[in-house]
Amino acid sequence: MNKFFRAIIAGWGAKKLGGGCLSTIIIFIVIYTLLGKCNQDTKAAPAQHKPIAPVEVHR
């Protein structure tokens, strides 16, 4: 996820969930970090395709 959109989503979530100044900052950091972790999982696991061996058919 783009860092700009990650910050926008985290800011919106922190505004909705935060009660005061400190809790809003903490919630922003938590959401921003979690969105970054979700993004790493998709990049870190490359698809490992094994070639399929042809099957010989005996008649």
C-alpha atoms as a PDB file:
ATOM      1  CA  MET A   1       0.000   0.000   0.000  1.00  0.00           C
ATOM      2  CA  ASN A   2       1.212   3.467  -0.823  1.00  0.00           C
ATOM      3  CA  LYS A   3       2.536   5.321   2.242  1.00  0.00           C
ATOM      4  CA  PHE A   4       0.333   8.328   1.469  1.00  0.00           C
ATOM      5  CA  PHE A   5      -2.877   6.273   1.468  1.00  0.00           C
ATOM      6  CA  ARG A   6      -1.666   4.351   4.495  1.00  0.00           C
ATOM      7  CA  ALA A   7      -1.282   7.641   6.386  1.00  0.00           C
ATOM      8  CA  ILE A   8      -4.700   8.883   5.216  1.00  0.00           C
ATOM      9  CA  ILE A   9      -6.444   5.691   6.352  1.00  0.00           C
ATOM     10  CA  ALA A  10      -4.565   5.653   9.661  1.00  0.00           C
ATOM     11  CA  GLY A  11      -5.388   9.316  10.269  1.00  0.00           C
ATOM     12  CA  TRP A  12      -9.076   8.801   9.550  1.00  0.00           C
ATOM     13  CA  GLY A  13      -9.193   5.740  11.835  1.00  0.00           C
ATOM     14  CA  ALA A  14      -7.331   7.546  14.612  1.00  0.00           C
ATOM     15  CA  LYS A  15      -9.722  10.494  14.366  1.00  0.00           C
ATOM     16  CA  LYS A  16     -12.737   8.196  14.659  1.00  0.00           C
ATOM     17  CA  LEU A  17     -11.355   5.986  17.446  1.00  0.00           C
ATOM     18  CA  GLY A  18      -9.215   8.418  19.442  1.00  0.00           C
ATOM     19  CA  GLY A  19     -10.616  10.270  22.395  1.00  0.00           C
ATOM     20  CA  GLY A  20      -7.845  12.678  23.316  1.00  0.00           C
ATOM     21  CA  CYS A  21      -4.578  13.882  21.900  1.00  0.00           C
ATOM     22  CA  LEU A  22      -2.321  11.110  23.194  1.00  0.00           C
ATOM     23  CA  SER A  23      -4.721   8.272  22.424  1.00  0.00           C
ATOM     24  CA  THR A  24      -5.209   9.584  18.871  1.00  0.00           C
ATOM     25  CA  ILE A  25      -1.445   9.585  18.277  1.00  0.00           C
ATOM     26  CA  ILE A  26      -1.083   6.077  19.684  1.00  0.00           C
ATOM     27  CA  ILE A  27      -3.991   4.752  17.614  1.00  0.00           C
ATOM     28  CA  PHE A  28      -2.533   6.395  14.495  1.00  0.00           C
ATOM     29  CA  ILE A  29       0.810   4.662  15.063  1.00  0.00           C
ATOM     30  CA  VAL A  30      -0.881   1.302  15.680  1.00  0.00           C
ATOM     31  CA  ILE A  31      -3.070   1.498  12.560  1.00  0.00           C
ATOM     32  CA  TYR A  32      -0.180   2.768  10.415  1.00  0.00           C
ATOM     33  CA  THR A  33       2.028  -0.093  11.603  1.00  0.00           C
ATOM     34  CA  LEU A  34      -0.666  -2.726  11.078  1.00  0.00           C
ATOM     35  CA  LEU A  35      -1.346  -1.505   7.548  1.00  0.00           C
ATOM     36  CA  GLY A  36       2.385  -1.759   6.864  1.00  0.00           C
ATOM     37  CA  LYS A  37       2.501  -5.315   8.206  1.00  0.00           C
ATOM     38  CA  CYS A  38      -0.404  -6.376   6.011  1.00  0.00           C
ATOM     39  CA  ASN A  39       1.407  -5.020   2.992  1.00  0.00           C
ATOM     40  CA  GLN A  40       4.637  -6.903   3.796  1.00  0.00           C
ATOM     41  CA  ASP A  41       2.890 -10.277   3.794  1.00  0.00           C
ATOM     42  CA  THR A  42       1.853  -9.972   0.170  1.00  0.00           C
ATOM     43  CA  LYS A  43       5.322  -8.948  -0.994  1.00  0.00           C
ATOM     44  CA  ALA A  44       7.265 -11.381   1.196  1.00  0.00           C
ATOM     45  CA  ALA A  45       5.570 -14.537  -0.066  1.00  0.00           C
ATOM     46  CA  PRO A  46       6.454 -14.962  -3.740  1.00  0.00           C
ATOM     47  CA  ALA A  47       4.556 -17.610  -5.620  1.00  0.00           C
ATOM     48  CA  GLN A  48       6.564 -20.796  -5.882  1.00  0.00           C
ATOM     49  CA  HIS A  49       5.434 -22.632  -8.955  1.00  0.00           C
ATOM     50  CA  LYS A  50       6.911 -26.032  -9.585  1.00  0.00           C
ATOM     51  CA  PRO A  51       6.858 -27.258 -13.151  1.00  0.00           C
ATOM     52  CA  ILE A  52       4.530 -30.179 -13.636  1.00  0.00           C
ATOM     53  CA  ALA A  53       6.204 -33.188 -15.207  1.00  0.00           C
ATOM     54  CA  PRO A  54       4.379 -34.653 -18.197  1.00  0.00           C
ATOM     55  CA  VAL A  55       2.592 -37.901 -17.486  1.00  0.00           C
ATOM     56  CA  GLU A  56       3.386 -40.790 -19.789  1.00  0.00           C
ATOM     57  CA  VAL A  57       0.398 -42.789 -20.946  1.00  0.00           C
ATOM     58  CA  HIS A  58       1.083 -46.452 -21.856  1.00  0.00           C
ATOM     59  CA  ARG A  59      -1.400 -48.219 -24.107  1.00  0.00           C
END
